[in-house]
Amino acid sequence: MSGAVEAVGAREAFAITKSDSTIVNIDALYVGGAGDVAVQPLKGSVVTFVDVPAGSILPVKCTKVMSTNTDATLMVGLRY
């Protein structure tokens, strides 16, 4: 046994366009431009993360990145 550790990274990444209706099904969200981010988690109601700093990764599985209440920019959806 070598004891090597394999890094786990996203297998897919794509630009997110904010939409109250488009289904994205992502495992995490990279936020490139600071601001508020409203998402629809896999389970539960829409939630808004307030004042997310630029360069953050939100580790929340979600079906939608809402246009309403989202002013953050340069977002990238991640799938693991």
Protein backbone atom coordinates (compact mmCIF):
# COMPACT_ATOMS: atom_id res chain seq x y z
CA MET A 1 0.00 0.00 0.00
CA SER A 2 1.54 3.29 -1.10
CA GLY A 3 -0.47 5.65 1.09
CA ALA A 4 -1.05 7.96 -1.89
CA VAL A 5 -4.05 10.24 -1.66
CA GLU A 6 -6.06 11.03 -4.75
CA ALA A 7 -7.48 14.54 -4.96
CA VAL A 8 -11.18 14.74 -5.64
CA GLY A 9 -12.14 17.51 -8.01
CA ALA A 10 -15.05 18.47 -10.17
CA ARG A 11 -15.52 16.27 -13.22
CA GLU A 12 -17.54 18.98 -14.96
CA ALA A 13 -17.61 22.78 -14.81
CA PHE A 14 -19.78 25.18 -16.80
CA ALA A 15 -20.88 28.81 -16.77
CA ILE A 16 -24.12 29.49 -14.92
CA THR A 17 -26.76 31.82 -16.29
CA LYS A 18 -29.12 32.94 -13.53
CA SER A 19 -32.68 31.74 -14.12
CA ASP A 20 -35.76 31.16 -11.99
CA SER A 21 -36.80 28.27 -14.24
CA THR A 22 -33.69 26.55 -15.69
CA ILE A 23 -32.67 23.32 -13.94
CA VAL A 24 -28.88 23.05 -13.45
CA ASN A 25 -28.45 20.16 -10.94
CA ILE A 26 -25.02 21.10 -9.57
CA ASP A 27 -23.00 19.87 -6.58
CA ALA A 28 -21.33 23.21 -5.83
CA LEU A 29 -21.20 26.76 -7.13
CA TYR A 30 -18.11 28.91 -7.71
CA VAL A 31 -18.84 32.64 -7.33
CA GLY A 32 -16.37 34.81 -9.25
CA GLY A 33 -17.97 38.20 -8.58
CA ALA A 34 -19.13 39.08 -5.05
CA GLY A 35 -22.80 39.47 -4.19
CA ASP A 36 -25.93 37.68 -3.07
CA VAL A 37 -26.74 34.21 -4.43
CA ALA A 38 -30.21 32.63 -4.27
CA VAL A 39 -30.36 28.89 -4.94
CA GLN A 40 -32.97 26.15 -4.88
CA PRO A 41 -31.40 23.25 -2.94
CA LEU A 42 -32.20 19.66 -3.92
CA LYS A 43 -34.48 19.54 -0.87
CA GLY A 44 -36.08 22.58 0.70
CA SER A 45 -37.03 26.09 -0.22
CA VAL A 46 -35.05 28.78 -2.02
CA VAL A 47 -32.31 30.21 0.20
CA THR A 48 -30.22 33.34 -0.32
CA PHE A 49 -26.55 33.49 0.64
CA VAL A 50 -25.86 37.17 1.42
CA ASP A 51 -22.60 38.97 0.58
CA VAL A 52 -20.74 35.96 -0.84
CA PRO A 53 -17.12 37.02 -1.41
CA ALA A 54 -15.54 36.74 -4.86
CA GLY A 55 -13.68 33.47 -5.29
CA SER A 56 -15.97 31.49 -2.98
CA ILE A 57 -17.25 27.99 -3.55
CA LEU A 58 -20.68 27.24 -2.10
CA PRO A 59 -20.77 23.49 -1.39
CA VAL A 60 -24.52 23.11 -1.80
CA LYS A 61 -26.28 20.72 -4.17
CA CYS A 62 -28.93 22.69 -5.97
CA THR A 63 -31.34 22.45 -8.85
CA LYS A 64 -31.49 26.17 -9.68
CA VAL A 65 -29.45 29.34 -9.37
CA MET A 66 -32.19 31.92 -9.18
CA SER A 67 -32.26 35.17 -11.11
CA THR A 68 -34.44 36.74 -8.42
CA ASN A 69 -32.31 37.94 -5.48
CA THR A 70 -28.99 37.00 -7.14
CA ASP A 71 -26.59 39.82 -8.00
CA ALA A 72 -23.32 37.87 -7.82
CA THR A 73 -21.59 37.36 -11.17
CA LEU A 74 -19.16 35.08 -12.99
CA MET A 75 -20.64 31.91 -11.53
CA VAL A 76 -19.54 28.40 -12.49
CA GLY A 77 -21.50 25.23 -11.72
CA LEU A 78 -19.49 22.23 -10.53
CA ARG A 79 -20.40 18.54 -10.71
CA TYR A 80 -18.37 15.93 -8.85
